């Protein structure tokens, strides 16, 4: 009889211990190459908390920061293969993502982060090749960003002539323009910039002012040129398509709704980070170097011309990029005139 009571007690204990757990609980990993204190990571945390709260604790997301799971260059491949369930992706660093590396050059004249994201989404909806580089992934958020200037170690850039001979970290969308002006651009991830500048491997970096504090770049630079370099948006967060397909409709709807939460958090925190970075630069005696208006106009013209050249060059990969560049120019001009155009969806050009 005692044995029966013991078995009944154990069974009841197991039942009670399981009452607090939801039968369809889902635990996922999130990974980023950036440290937890970085601006992008802080936006990630806002999104993680929102997903967990909206699911009433049924979904738990375990983060891994600082490159613990994902690399800076191959994160799209790593997420496709399940190294992390969800993560930050940087298609501009992937050698095989030809259109995504190039399309950021199509945003000359863009004014705000919101416009960057809106124009990208219109291009994505209108041109099927925009989704080619992210095959095997389900994009969860589009990443915009503050407009870069140029931070340098020893030599201020007061005019375009000063770029000659300088080795600068720059993304592909800016590299050709800088090269035409005599600079020597290199395509490093932002995580590699601090040691490269500290060691003198590069002379400077094309970066927005928010990175002066968030990435501690004020430690390795002395001059910040206000040459305004255009930048676009890109797919910034994703999970594997296989994982997405395994989710139920309720969870897919939740992650879809979370897209705007993530993007709003990034925009808000980037705005704050820009102000903090500018204040920090002044406190750290970083010299802000104005660029001559005529040189800014010359740079903008070179940038626009290069965008169309890069669009045509995509034909080598079977991509008709010039219509995408042209449409981006039209969308930006309409927004600049206060008449934003509706996206044209369903096209397969």
C-alpha atoms as a PDB file:
ATOM      1  CA  UNK A   1       0.000   0.000   0.000  1.00  0.00           C
ATOM      2  CA  UNK A   2       2.806   2.395   0.840  1.00  0.00           C
ATOM      3  CA  UNK A   3       4.354   1.720  -2.562  1.00  0.00           C
ATOM      4  CA  UNK A   4       1.077   2.648  -4.277  1.00  0.00           C
ATOM      5  CA  UNK A   5       0.856   5.914  -2.322  1.00  0.00           C
ATOM      6  CA  UNK A   6       4.474   6.686  -3.242  1.00  0.00           C
ATOM      7  CA  UNK A   7       3.804   6.145  -6.946  1.00  0.00           C
ATOM      8  CA  UNK A   8       0.679   8.284  -6.770  1.00  0.00           C
ATOM      9  CA  UNK A   9       2.625  11.072  -5.048  1.00  0.00           C
ATOM     10  CA  UNK A  10       5.373  10.979  -7.672  1.00  0.00           C
ATOM     11  CA  UNK A  11       2.846  11.057 -10.509  1.00  0.00           C
ATOM     12  CA  UNK A  12       1.007  14.009  -8.948  1.00  0.00           C
ATOM     13  CA  UNK A  13       4.319  15.840  -8.480  1.00  0.00           C
ATOM     14  CA  UNK A  14       5.219  15.392 -12.139  1.00  0.00           C
ATOM     15  CA  UNK A  15       1.814  16.623 -13.230  1.00  0.00           C
ATOM     16  CA  UNK A  16       2.028  19.680 -11.019  1.00  0.00           C
ATOM     17  CA  UNK A  17       5.592  20.473 -12.140  1.00  0.00           C
ATOM     18  CA  UNK A  18       4.388  20.562 -15.734  1.00  0.00           C
ATOM     19  CA  UNK A  19       1.475  22.900 -15.074  1.00  0.00           C
ATOM     20  CA  UNK A  20       3.643  26.002 -15.309  1.00  0.00           C
ATOM     21  CA  UNK A  21       5.008  25.047 -18.730  1.00  0.00           C
ATOM     22  CA  UNK A  22       3.118  25.748 -21.934  1.00  0.00           C
ATOM     23  CA  UNK A  23       2.846  22.662 -24.072  1.00  0.00           C
ATOM     24  CA  UNK A  24       3.719  24.530 -27.268  1.00  0.00           C
ATOM     25  CA  UNK A  25       6.564  26.580 -25.784  1.00  0.00           C
ATOM     26  CA  UNK A  26       9.232  27.584 -28.290  1.00  0.00           C
ATOM     27  CA  UNK A  27      12.845  28.411 -27.436  1.00  0.00           C
ATOM     28  CA  UNK A  28      14.918  30.082 -30.133  1.00  0.00           C
ATOM     29  CA  UNK A  29      18.443  31.449 -30.323  1.00  0.00           C
ATOM     30  CA  UNK A  30      19.313  34.946 -31.537  1.00  0.00           C
ATOM     31  CA  UNK A  31      22.861  35.859 -32.558  1.00  0.00           C
ATOM     32  CA  UNK A  32      24.716  39.018 -33.516  1.00  0.00           C
ATOM     33  CA  UNK A  33      28.357  39.793 -34.249  1.00  0.00           C
ATOM     34  CA  UNK A  34      28.001  42.976 -32.168  1.00  0.00           C
ATOM     35  CA  UNK A  35      28.369  43.375 -28.387  1.00  0.00           C
ATOM     36  CA  UNK A  36      25.258  43.698 -26.250  1.00  0.00           C
ATOM     37  CA  UNK A  37      25.847  47.428 -25.645  1.00  0.00           C
ATOM     38  CA  UNK A  38      25.971  48.364 -29.342  1.00  0.00           C
ATOM     39  CA  UNK A  39      23.029  50.346 -30.760  1.00  0.00           C
ATOM     40  CA  UNK A  40      21.824  47.552 -33.066  1.00  0.00           C
ATOM     41  CA  UNK A  41      21.942  45.091 -30.162  1.00  0.00           C
ATOM     42  CA  UNK A  42      19.880  47.396 -27.964  1.00  0.00           C
ATOM     43  CA  UNK A  43      17.212  47.464 -30.690  1.00  0.00           C
ATOM     44  CA  UNK A  44      17.430  43.666 -30.855  1.00  0.00           C
ATOM     45  CA  UNK A  45      16.701  43.495 -27.120  1.00  0.00           C
ATOM     46  CA  UNK A  46      13.605  45.710 -27.548  1.00  0.00           C
ATOM     47  CA  UNK A  47      12.333  43.272 -30.180  1.00  0.00           C
ATOM     48  CA  UNK A  48      13.185  40.168 -28.144  1.00  0.00           C
ATOM     49  CA  UNK A  49      11.284  41.505 -25.129  1.00  0.00           C
ATOM     50  CA  UNK A  50       8.324  42.428 -27.345  1.00  0.00           C
ATOM     51  CA  UNK A  51       8.124  38.960 -28.909  1.00  0.00           C
ATOM     52  CA  UNK A  52       8.329  37.298 -25.506  1.00  0.00           C
ATOM     53  CA  UNK A  53       5.705  39.620 -24.007  1.00  0.00           C
ATOM     54  CA  UNK A  54       3.297  39.310 -26.937  1.00  0.00           C
ATOM     55  CA  UNK A  55       3.579  35.519 -26.797  1.00  0.00           C
ATOM     56  CA  UNK A  56       2.870  35.673 -23.030  1.00  0.00           C
ATOM     57  CA  UNK A  57       6.141  33.909 -22.359  1.00  0.00           C
ATOM     58  CA  UNK A  58       5.408  31.015 -24.700  1.00  0.00           C
ATOM     59  CA  UNK A  59       8.317  32.043 -26.961  1.00  0.00           C
ATOM     60  CA  UNK A  60      11.698  32.485 -25.320  1.00  0.00           C
ATOM     61  CA  UNK A  61      14.626  33.921 -27.274  1.00  0.00           C
ATOM     62  CA  UNK A  62      18.138  33.280 -25.994  1.00  0.00           C
ATOM     63  CA  UNK A  63      20.641  35.850 -27.306  1.00  0.00           C
ATOM     64  CA  UNK A  64      24.311  35.337 -28.141  1.00  0.00           C
ATOM     65  CA  UNK A  65      26.305  38.549 -28.606  1.00  0.00           C
ATOM     66  CA  UNK A  66      29.754  39.536 -29.809  1.00  0.00           C
ATOM     67  CA  UNK A  67      30.166  36.920 -32.526  1.00  0.00           C
ATOM     68  CA  UNK A  68      29.695  33.967 -30.153  1.00  0.00           C
ATOM     69  CA  UNK A  69      27.649  32.168 -32.824  1.00  0.00           C
ATOM     70  CA  UNK A  70      27.635  34.293 -35.975  1.00  0.00           C
ATOM     71  CA  UNK A  71      30.547  35.745 -37.939  1.00  0.00           C
ATOM     72  CA  UNK A  72      30.564  39.202 -39.503  1.00  0.00           C
ATOM     73  CA  UNK A  73      30.906  37.987 -43.091  1.00  0.00           C
ATOM     74  CA  UNK A  74      29.157  34.623 -43.439  1.00  0.00           C
ATOM     75  CA  UNK A  75      26.128  35.140 -41.192  1.00  0.00           C
ATOM     76  CA  UNK A  76      23.568  34.565 -43.976  1.00  0.00           C
ATOM     77  CA  UNK A  77      25.059  31.150 -44.717  1.00  0.00           C
ATOM     78  CA  UNK A  78      25.299  30.357 -41.015  1.00  0.00           C
ATOM     79  CA  UNK A  79      21.630  31.142 -40.374  1.00  0.00           C
ATOM     80  CA  UNK A  80      20.565  29.137 -43.437  1.00  0.00           C
ATOM     81  CA  UNK A  81      22.311  26.135 -41.877  1.00  0.00           C
ATOM     82  CA  UNK A  82      20.908  26.649 -38.385  1.00  0.00           C
ATOM     83  CA  UNK A  83      23.967  27.927 -36.513  1.00  0.00           C
ATOM     84  CA  UNK A  84      21.475  30.331 -34.938  1.00  0.00           C
ATOM     85  CA  UNK A  85      17.711  30.355 -35.311  1.00  0.00           C
ATOM     86  CA  UNK A  86      17.524  34.124 -35.827  1.00  0.00           C
ATOM     87  CA  UNK A  87      20.277  36.647 -36.333  1.00  0.00           C
ATOM     88  CA  UNK A  88      21.656  39.855 -37.701  1.00  0.00           C
ATOM     89  CA  UNK A  89      22.631  39.524 -41.357  1.00  0.00           C
ATOM     90  CA  UNK A  90      25.029  41.723 -43.307  1.00  0.00           C
ATOM     91  CA  UNK A  91      24.575  40.879 -47.007  1.00  0.00           C
ATOM     92  CA  UNK A  92      26.890  43.714 -48.057  1.00  0.00           C
ATOM     93  CA  UNK A  93      29.833  41.641 -46.768  1.00  0.00           C
ATOM     94  CA  UNK A  94      28.865  38.453 -48.607  1.00  0.00           C
ATOM     95  CA  UNK A  95      30.817  37.995 -51.832  1.00  0.00           C
ATOM     96  CA  UNK A  96      27.962  36.106 -53.461  1.00  0.00           C
ATOM     97  CA  UNK A  97      25.263  38.715 -52.657  1.00  0.00           C
ATOM     98  CA  UNK A  98      25.937  40.773 -55.776  1.00  0.00           C
ATOM     99  CA  UNK A  99      22.746  42.831 -55.903  1.00  0.00           C
ATOM    100  CA  UNK A 100      22.547  43.397 -52.142  1.00  0.00           C
ATOM    101  CA  UNK A 101      26.154  44.604 -52.098  1.00  0.00           C
ATOM    102  CA  UNK A 102      25.386  46.980 -54.968  1.00  0.00           C
ATOM    103  CA  UNK A 103      21.856  48.256 -54.337  1.00  0.00           C
ATOM    104  CA  UNK A 104      22.951  50.437 -51.418  1.00  0.00           C
ATOM    105  CA  UNK A 105      24.591  52.689 -54.000  1.00  0.00           C
ATOM    106  CA  UNK A 106      21.150  53.502 -55.450  1.00  0.00           C
ATOM    107  CA  UNK A 107      20.053  55.901 -52.656  1.00  0.00           C
ATOM    108  CA  UNK A 108      21.699  59.180 -53.583  1.00  0.00           C
ATOM    109  CA  UNK A 109      19.625  62.068 -52.211  1.00  0.00           C
ATOM    110  CA  UNK A 110      17.856  60.029 -49.522  1.00  0.00           C
ATOM    111  CA  UNK A 111      17.191  62.087 -46.394  1.00  0.00           C
ATOM    112  CA  UNK A 112      15.998  59.925 -43.516  1.00  0.00           C
ATOM    113  CA  UNK A 113      16.231  56.405 -42.115  1.00  0.00           C
ATOM    114  CA  UNK A 114      12.473  55.994 -42.596  1.00  0.00           C
ATOM    115  CA  UNK A 115      12.863  56.867 -46.271  1.00  0.00           C
ATOM    116  CA  UNK A 116      15.729  54.376 -46.632  1.00  0.00           C
ATOM    117  CA  UNK A 117      13.543  51.554 -45.317  1.00  0.00           C
ATOM    118  CA  UNK A 118      10.477  52.611 -47.334  1.00  0.00           C
ATOM    119  CA  UNK A 119      12.387  52.852 -50.613  1.00  0.00           C
ATOM    120  CA  UNK A 120      14.048  49.488 -50.021  1.00  0.00           C
ATOM    121  CA  UNK A 121      10.687  47.834 -49.403  1.00  0.00           C
ATOM    122  CA  UNK A 122       9.287  49.318 -52.600  1.00  0.00           C
ATOM    123  CA  UNK A 123      12.244  48.032 -54.597  1.00  0.00           C
ATOM    124  CA  UNK A 124      11.923  44.623 -52.944  1.00  0.00           C
ATOM    125  CA  UNK A 125       8.226  44.465 -53.807  1.00  0.00           C
ATOM    126  CA  UNK A 126       8.804  45.558 -57.403  1.00  0.00           C
ATOM    127  CA  UNK A 127      11.879  43.589 -58.469  1.00  0.00           C
ATOM    128  CA  UNK A 128      12.206  39.848 -57.896  1.00  0.00           C
ATOM    129  CA  UNK A 129      16.061  39.904 -58.055  1.00  0.00           C
ATOM    130  CA  UNK A 130      16.079  41.961 -54.838  1.00  0.00           C
ATOM    131  CA  UNK A 131      15.085  38.771 -53.022  1.00  0.00           C
ATOM    132  CA  UNK A 132      17.559  36.498 -54.782  1.00  0.00           C
ATOM    133  CA  UNK A 133      20.477  37.021 -52.406  1.00  0.00           C
ATOM    134  CA  UNK A 134      18.372  36.133 -49.365  1.00  0.00           C
ATOM    135  CA  UNK A 135      17.059  32.836 -50.753  1.00  0.00           C
ATOM    136  CA  UNK A 136      16.837  30.301 -47.948  1.00  0.00           C
ATOM    137  CA  UNK A 137      16.172  33.059 -45.416  1.00  0.00           C
ATOM    138  CA  UNK A 138      13.010  34.721 -44.179  1.00  0.00           C
ATOM    139  CA  UNK A 139      13.751  38.406 -43.618  1.00  0.00           C
ATOM    140  CA  UNK A 140      12.368  39.753 -40.341  1.00  0.00           C
ATOM    141  CA  UNK A 141      13.457  43.413 -40.494  1.00  0.00           C
ATOM    142  CA  UNK A 142      15.024  45.972 -42.817  1.00  0.00           C
ATOM    143  CA  UNK A 143      17.991  47.928 -41.496  1.00  0.00           C
ATOM    144  CA  UNK A 144      18.512  51.606 -42.220  1.00  0.00           C
ATOM    145  CA  UNK A 145      21.187  53.813 -40.731  1.00  0.00           C
ATOM    146  CA  UNK A 146      22.619  57.236 -40.037  1.00  0.00           C
ATOM    147  CA  UNK A 147      24.508  58.939 -42.821  1.00  0.00           C
ATOM    148  CA  UNK A 148      28.259  58.445 -42.764  1.00  0.00           C
ATOM    149  CA  UNK A 149      31.042  60.971 -42.760  1.00  0.00           C
ATOM    150  CA  UNK A 150      34.717  60.002 -42.656  1.00  0.00           C
ATOM    151  CA  UNK A 151      36.694  59.507 -39.447  1.00  0.00           C
ATOM    152  CA  UNK A 152      40.480  59.661 -39.910  1.00  0.00           C
ATOM    153  CA  UNK A 153      43.494  59.061 -37.702  1.00  0.00           C
ATOM    154  CA  UNK A 154      46.057  61.687 -38.641  1.00  0.00           C
ATOM    155  CA  UNK A 155      44.925  63.662 -41.675  1.00  0.00           C
ATOM    156  CA  UNK A 156      41.723  65.739 -41.861  1.00  0.00           C
ATOM    157  CA  UNK A 157      39.654  65.605 -45.042  1.00  0.00           C
ATOM    158  CA  UNK A 158      38.715  69.176 -45.857  1.00  0.00           C
ATOM    159  CA  UNK A 159      38.254  68.676 -49.598  1.00  0.00           C
ATOM    160  CA  UNK A 160      37.956  65.812 -52.049  1.00  0.00           C
ATOM    161  CA  UNK A 161      41.619  66.306 -52.947  1.00  0.00           C
ATOM    162  CA  UNK A 162      42.564  65.199 -49.417  1.00  0.00           C
ATOM    163  CA  UNK A 163      41.196  61.713 -50.124  1.00  0.00           C
ATOM    164  CA  UNK A 164      44.083  60.898 -52.443  1.00  0.00           C
ATOM    165  CA  UNK A 165      46.260  58.084 -51.127  1.00  0.00           C
ATOM    166  CA  UNK A 166      44.160  57.427 -48.003  1.00  0.00           C
ATOM    167  CA  UNK A 167      43.350  53.825 -47.104  1.00  0.00           C
ATOM    168  CA  UNK A 168      39.738  53.888 -45.892  1.00  0.00           C
ATOM    169  CA  UNK A 169      37.276  51.243 -44.818  1.00  0.00           C
ATOM    170  CA  UNK A 170      34.191  51.663 -46.999  1.00  0.00           C
ATOM    171  CA  UNK A 171      31.343  49.508 -48.246  1.00  0.00           C
ATOM    172  CA  UNK A 172      31.058  48.561 -51.889  1.00  0.00           C
ATOM    173  CA  UNK A 173      28.500  51.293 -52.644  1.00  0.00           C
ATOM    174  CA  UNK A 174      31.063  53.990 -51.815  1.00  0.00           C
ATOM    175  CA  UNK A 175      34.318  52.270 -52.701  1.00  0.00           C
ATOM    176  CA  UNK A 176      34.331  53.028 -56.432  1.00  0.00           C
ATOM    177  CA  UNK A 177      33.645  56.733 -55.888  1.00  0.00           C
ATOM    178  CA  UNK A 178      36.441  56.981 -53.337  1.00  0.00           C
ATOM    179  CA  UNK A 179      38.759  55.071 -55.656  1.00  0.00           C
ATOM    180  CA  UNK A 180      37.984  57.500 -58.491  1.00  0.00           C
ATOM    181  CA  UNK A 181      39.020  60.318 -56.144  1.00  0.00           C
ATOM    182  CA  UNK A 182      42.375  58.657 -55.434  1.00  0.00           C
ATOM    183  CA  UNK A 183      41.591  56.858 -52.163  1.00  0.00           C
ATOM    184  CA  UNK A 184      42.371  53.194 -51.440  1.00  0.00           C
ATOM    185  CA  UNK A 185      39.111  51.701 -50.073  1.00  0.00           C
ATOM    186  CA  UNK A 186      38.960  48.348 -48.270  1.00  0.00           C
ATOM    187  CA  UNK A 187      35.829  46.394 -47.346  1.00  0.00           C
ATOM    188  CA  UNK A 188      36.146  45.332 -43.692  1.00  0.00           C
ATOM    189  CA  UNK A 189      33.322  44.569 -41.292  1.00  0.00           C
ATOM    190  CA  UNK A 190      32.746  47.231 -38.648  1.00  0.00           C
ATOM    191  CA  UNK A 191      33.906  44.786 -35.992  1.00  0.00           C
ATOM    192  CA  UNK A 192      37.364  44.827 -37.624  1.00  0.00           C
ATOM    193  CA  UNK A 193      37.682  48.602 -37.910  1.00  0.00           C
ATOM    194  CA  UNK A 194      38.872  49.475 -34.391  1.00  0.00           C
ATOM    195  CA  UNK A 195      41.962  47.210 -34.418  1.00  0.00           C
ATOM    196  CA  UNK A 196      42.733  48.116 -38.032  1.00  0.00           C
ATOM    197  CA  UNK A 197      42.749  51.832 -37.223  1.00  0.00           C
ATOM    198  CA  UNK A 198      44.607  51.348 -33.949  1.00  0.00           C
ATOM    199  CA  UNK A 199      47.382  49.483 -35.775  1.00  0.00           C
ATOM    200  CA  UNK A 200      47.492  51.928 -38.677  1.00  0.00           C
ATOM    201  CA  UNK A 201      46.379  49.279 -41.166  1.00  0.00           C
ATOM    202  CA  UNK A 202      43.794  51.791 -42.400  1.00  0.00           C
ATOM    203  CA  UNK A 203      43.844  55.579 -42.237  1.00  0.00           C
ATOM    204  CA  UNK A 204      40.152  55.963 -41.526  1.00  0.00           C
ATOM    205  CA  UNK A 205      36.623  54.707 -41.910  1.00  0.00           C
ATOM    206  CA  UNK A 206      33.438  55.809 -43.625  1.00  0.00           C
ATOM    207  CA  UNK A 207      31.030  55.787 -40.683  1.00  0.00           C
ATOM    208  CA  UNK A 208      28.214  57.761 -39.089  1.00  0.00           C
ATOM    209  CA  UNK A 209      28.989  59.806 -35.988  1.00  0.00           C
ATOM    210  CA  UNK A 210      27.050  57.421 -33.739  1.00  0.00           C
ATOM    211  CA  UNK A 211      29.883  54.868 -34.079  1.00  0.00           C
ATOM    212  CA  UNK A 212      32.343  57.265 -32.460  1.00  0.00           C
ATOM    213  CA  UNK A 213      30.975  56.178 -29.096  1.00  0.00           C
ATOM    214  CA  UNK A 214      29.052  52.965 -29.720  1.00  0.00           C
ATOM    215  CA  UNK A 215      32.036  51.340 -31.465  1.00  0.00           C
ATOM    216  CA  UNK A 216      34.606  53.352 -29.439  1.00  0.00           C
ATOM    217  CA  UNK A 217      36.083  54.740 -32.660  1.00  0.00           C
ATOM    218  CA  UNK A 218      36.798  58.101 -31.018  1.00  0.00           C
ATOM    219  CA  UNK A 219      39.684  56.254 -29.351  1.00  0.00           C
ATOM    220  CA  UNK A 220      41.424  55.692 -32.686  1.00  0.00           C
ATOM    221  CA  UNK A 221      40.422  58.751 -34.759  1.00  0.00           C
ATOM    222  CA  UNK A 222      41.040  62.468 -34.477  1.00  0.00           C
ATOM    223  CA  UNK A 223      39.131  64.116 -37.336  1.00  0.00           C
ATOM    224  CA  UNK A 224      35.548  63.679 -38.520  1.00  0.00           C
ATOM    225  CA  UNK A 225      34.798  65.027 -41.981  1.00  0.00           C
ATOM    226  CA  UNK A 226      31.178  66.045 -42.614  1.00  0.00           C
ATOM    227  CA  UNK A 227      31.223  64.872 -46.236  1.00  0.00           C
ATOM    228  CA  UNK A 228      27.705  63.402 -46.403  1.00  0.00           C
ATOM    229  CA  UNK A 229      27.809  59.964 -47.954  1.00  0.00           C
ATOM    230  CA  UNK A 230      24.478  58.465 -49.063  1.00  0.00           C
ATOM    231  CA  UNK A 231      23.444  55.113 -47.728  1.00  0.00           C
ATOM    232  CA  UNK A 232      20.569  52.767 -48.277  1.00  0.00           C
ATOM    233  CA  UNK A 233      18.767  50.056 -46.384  1.00  0.00           C
ATOM    234  CA  UNK A 234      19.246  46.300 -46.498  1.00  0.00           C
ATOM    235  CA  UNK A 235      17.812  43.107 -44.999  1.00  0.00           C
ATOM    236  CA  UNK A 236      19.207  43.213 -41.482  1.00  0.00           C
ATOM    237  CA  UNK A 237      17.558  40.411 -39.477  1.00  0.00           C
ATOM    238  CA  UNK A 238      16.431  36.977 -40.591  1.00  0.00           C
ATOM    239  CA  UNK A 239      15.683  33.379 -39.719  1.00  0.00           C
ATOM    240  CA  UNK A 240      16.108  30.382 -41.990  1.00  0.00           C
ATOM    241  CA  UNK A 241      13.251  29.723 -44.393  1.00  0.00           C
ATOM    242  CA  UNK A 242      13.112  26.174 -43.090  1.00  0.00           C
ATOM    243  CA  UNK A 243      12.438  27.364 -39.550  1.00  0.00           C
ATOM    244  CA  UNK A 244       9.843  29.857 -40.796  1.00  0.00           C
ATOM    245  CA  UNK A 245       8.015  27.096 -42.670  1.00  0.00           C
ATOM    246  CA  UNK A 246       7.892  24.990 -39.491  1.00  0.00           C
ATOM    247  CA  UNK A 247       6.242  27.768 -37.479  1.00  0.00           C
ATOM    248  CA  UNK A 248       2.496  27.745 -37.072  1.00  0.00           C
ATOM    249  CA  UNK A 249       0.333  30.564 -38.490  1.00  0.00           C
ATOM    250  CA  UNK A 250       0.047  32.207 -35.054  1.00  0.00           C
ATOM    251  CA  UNK A 251       3.822  32.465 -34.671  1.00  0.00           C
ATOM    252  CA  UNK A 252       4.338  33.610 -38.258  1.00  0.00           C
ATOM    253  CA  UNK A 253       1.800  36.386 -37.682  1.00  0.00           C
ATOM    254  CA  UNK A 254       3.597  37.418 -34.489  1.00  0.00           C
ATOM    255  CA  UNK A 255       7.008  37.617 -36.150  1.00  0.00           C
ATOM    256  CA  UNK A 256       5.489  39.514 -39.098  1.00  0.00           C
ATOM    257  CA  UNK A 257       3.959  42.066 -36.723  1.00  0.00           C
ATOM    258  CA  UNK A 258       7.327  42.354 -34.994  1.00  0.00           C
ATOM    259  CA  UNK A 259       8.966  43.709 -38.152  1.00  0.00           C
ATOM    260  CA  UNK A 260       7.777  47.275 -37.580  1.00  0.00           C
ATOM    261  CA  UNK A 261       8.614  47.013 -33.858  1.00  0.00           C
ATOM    262  CA  UNK A 262      12.190  46.085 -34.715  1.00  0.00           C
ATOM    263  CA  UNK A 263      12.548  48.773 -37.390  1.00  0.00           C
ATOM    264  CA  UNK A 264      11.058  51.489 -35.168  1.00  0.00           C
ATOM    265  CA  UNK A 265      13.399  50.519 -32.332  1.00  0.00           C
ATOM    266  CA  UNK A 266      16.409  50.701 -34.634  1.00  0.00           C
ATOM    267  CA  UNK A 267      15.393  54.109 -35.968  1.00  0.00           C
ATOM    268  CA  UNK A 268      14.738  55.543 -32.507  1.00  0.00           C
ATOM    269  CA  UNK A 269      17.957  54.225 -31.018  1.00  0.00           C
ATOM    270  CA  UNK A 270      20.011  55.278 -34.048  1.00  0.00           C
ATOM    271  CA  UNK A 271      18.664  58.830 -33.703  1.00  0.00           C
ATOM    272  CA  UNK A 272      19.625  58.825 -30.040  1.00  0.00           C
ATOM    273  CA  UNK A 273      23.019  57.299 -30.785  1.00  0.00           C
ATOM    274  CA  UNK A 274      23.769  59.995 -33.365  1.00  0.00           C
ATOM    275  CA  UNK A 275      23.217  62.767 -30.822  1.00  0.00           C
ATOM    276  CA  UNK A 276      25.221  60.888 -28.198  1.00  0.00           C
ATOM    277  CA  UNK A 277      28.032  60.270 -30.682  1.00  0.00           C
ATOM    278  CA  UNK A 278      28.206  63.925 -31.693  1.00  0.00           C
ATOM    279  CA  UNK A 279      28.287  65.036 -28.054  1.00  0.00           C
ATOM    280  CA  UNK A 280      30.900  62.410 -27.247  1.00  0.00           C
ATOM    281  CA  UNK A 281      33.070  63.512 -30.155  1.00  0.00           C
ATOM    282  CA  UNK A 282      33.059  67.087 -28.877  1.00  0.00           C
ATOM    283  CA  UNK A 283      33.939  65.926 -25.370  1.00  0.00           C
ATOM    284  CA  UNK A 284      36.788  63.789 -26.725  1.00  0.00           C
ATOM    285  CA  UNK A 285      38.131  66.718 -28.770  1.00  0.00           C
ATOM    286  CA  UNK A 286      37.452  65.050 -32.121  1.00  0.00           C
ATOM    287  CA  UNK A 287      37.716  67.855 -34.658  1.00  0.00           C
ATOM    288  CA  UNK A 288      34.674  68.205 -36.898  1.00  0.00           C
ATOM    289  CA  UNK A 289      35.907  69.105 -40.360  1.00  0.00           C
ATOM    290  CA  UNK A 290      33.420  70.792 -42.724  1.00  0.00           C
ATOM    291  CA  UNK A 291      33.530  69.957 -46.419  1.00  0.00           C
ATOM    292  CA  UNK A 292      33.182  72.669 -49.042  1.00  0.00           C
ATOM    293  CA  UNK A 293      29.635  72.817 -50.525  1.00  0.00           C
ATOM    294  CA  UNK A 294      31.026  72.581 -54.030  1.00  0.00           C
ATOM    295  CA  UNK A 295      32.891  69.404 -53.128  1.00  0.00           C
ATOM    296  CA  UNK A 296      29.727  67.891 -51.639  1.00  0.00           C
ATOM    297  CA  UNK A 297      27.841  68.569 -54.873  1.00  0.00           C
ATOM    298  CA  UNK A 298      30.687  67.051 -56.906  1.00  0.00           C
ATOM    299  CA  UNK A 299      30.691  63.964 -54.706  1.00  0.00           C
ATOM    300  CA  UNK A 300      26.905  63.575 -55.042  1.00  0.00           C
ATOM    301  CA  UNK A 301      27.145  63.749 -58.843  1.00  0.00           C
ATOM    302  CA  UNK A 302      29.905  61.127 -58.896  1.00  0.00           C
ATOM    303  CA  UNK A 303      27.877  58.924 -56.565  1.00  0.00           C
ATOM    304  CA  UNK A 304      24.755  59.065 -58.757  1.00  0.00           C
ATOM    305  CA  UNK A 305      26.702  58.336 -61.938  1.00  0.00           C
ATOM    306  CA  UNK A 306      28.430  55.424 -60.253  1.00  0.00           C
ATOM    307  CA  UNK A 307      25.090  53.978 -59.125  1.00  0.00           C
ATOM    308  CA  UNK A 308      23.915  53.590 -62.708  1.00  0.00           C
ATOM    309  CA  UNK A 309      27.283  52.168 -63.771  1.00  0.00           C
ATOM    310  CA  UNK A 310      27.077  49.586 -60.979  1.00  0.00           C
ATOM    311  CA  UNK A 311      23.504  48.771 -61.973  1.00  0.00           C
ATOM    312  CA  UNK A 312      24.620  48.043 -65.524  1.00  0.00           C
ATOM    313  CA  UNK A 313      27.599  46.005 -64.279  1.00  0.00           C
ATOM    314  CA  UNK A 314      25.224  43.573 -62.556  1.00  0.00           C
ATOM    315  CA  UNK A 315      24.425  42.142 -65.987  1.00  0.00           C
ATOM    316  CA  UNK A 316      27.574  40.029 -65.542  1.00  0.00           C
ATOM    317  CA  UNK A 317      25.579  38.089 -62.924  1.00  0.00           C
ATOM    318  CA  UNK A 318      22.389  37.920 -64.968  1.00  0.00           C
ATOM    319  CA  UNK A 319      20.784  40.840 -63.094  1.00  0.00           C
ATOM    320  CA  UNK A 320      19.280  43.868 -64.830  1.00  0.00           C
ATOM    321  CA  UNK A 321      20.242  46.383 -62.181  1.00  0.00           C
ATOM    322  CA  UNK A 322      19.824  49.657 -64.053  1.00  0.00           C
ATOM    323  CA  UNK A 323      15.989  49.680 -63.846  1.00  0.00           C
ATOM    324  CA  UNK A 324      16.292  49.129 -60.085  1.00  0.00           C
ATOM    325  CA  UNK A 325      18.688  52.074 -59.767  1.00  0.00           C
ATOM    326  CA  UNK A 326      16.395  54.219 -61.922  1.00  0.00           C
ATOM    327  CA  UNK A 327      13.329  53.322 -59.849  1.00  0.00           C
ATOM    328  CA  UNK A 328      15.183  54.119 -56.624  1.00  0.00           C
ATOM    329  CA  UNK A 329      16.055  57.557 -58.034  1.00  0.00           C
ATOM    330  CA  UNK A 330      12.389  58.167 -58.917  1.00  0.00           C
ATOM    331  CA  UNK A 331      11.152  57.092 -55.484  1.00  0.00           C
ATOM    332  CA  UNK A 332      13.690  59.291 -53.706  1.00  0.00           C
ATOM    333  CA  UNK A 333      12.903  62.308 -55.886  1.00  0.00           C
ATOM    334  CA  UNK A 334       9.172  61.890 -55.198  1.00  0.00           C
ATOM    335  CA  UNK A 335       9.790  61.735 -51.449  1.00  0.00           C
ATOM    336  CA  UNK A 336      12.092  64.742 -51.622  1.00  0.00           C
ATOM    337  CA  UNK A 337       9.280  66.665 -53.338  1.00  0.00           C
ATOM    338  CA  UNK A 338       6.819  65.663 -50.615  1.00  0.00           C
ATOM    339  CA  UNK A 339       4.900  63.284 -52.897  1.00  0.00           C
ATOM    340  CA  UNK A 340       5.898  59.743 -51.844  1.00  0.00           C
ATOM    341  CA  UNK A 341       4.738  57.185 -54.385  1.00  0.00           C
ATOM    342  CA  UNK A 342       2.940  53.964 -53.519  1.00  0.00           C
ATOM    343  CA  UNK A 343       4.916  50.768 -54.004  1.00  0.00           C
ATOM    344  CA  UNK A 344       4.289  48.821 -57.194  1.00  0.00           C
ATOM    345  CA  UNK A 345       3.909  45.233 -56.038  1.00  0.00           C
ATOM    346  CA  UNK A 346       3.767  41.951 -57.875  1.00  0.00           C
ATOM    347  CA  UNK A 347       6.321  42.784 -60.559  1.00  0.00           C
ATOM    348  CA  UNK A 348       8.955  40.242 -61.567  1.00  0.00           C
ATOM    349  CA  UNK A 349      11.293  42.403 -63.588  1.00  0.00           C
END
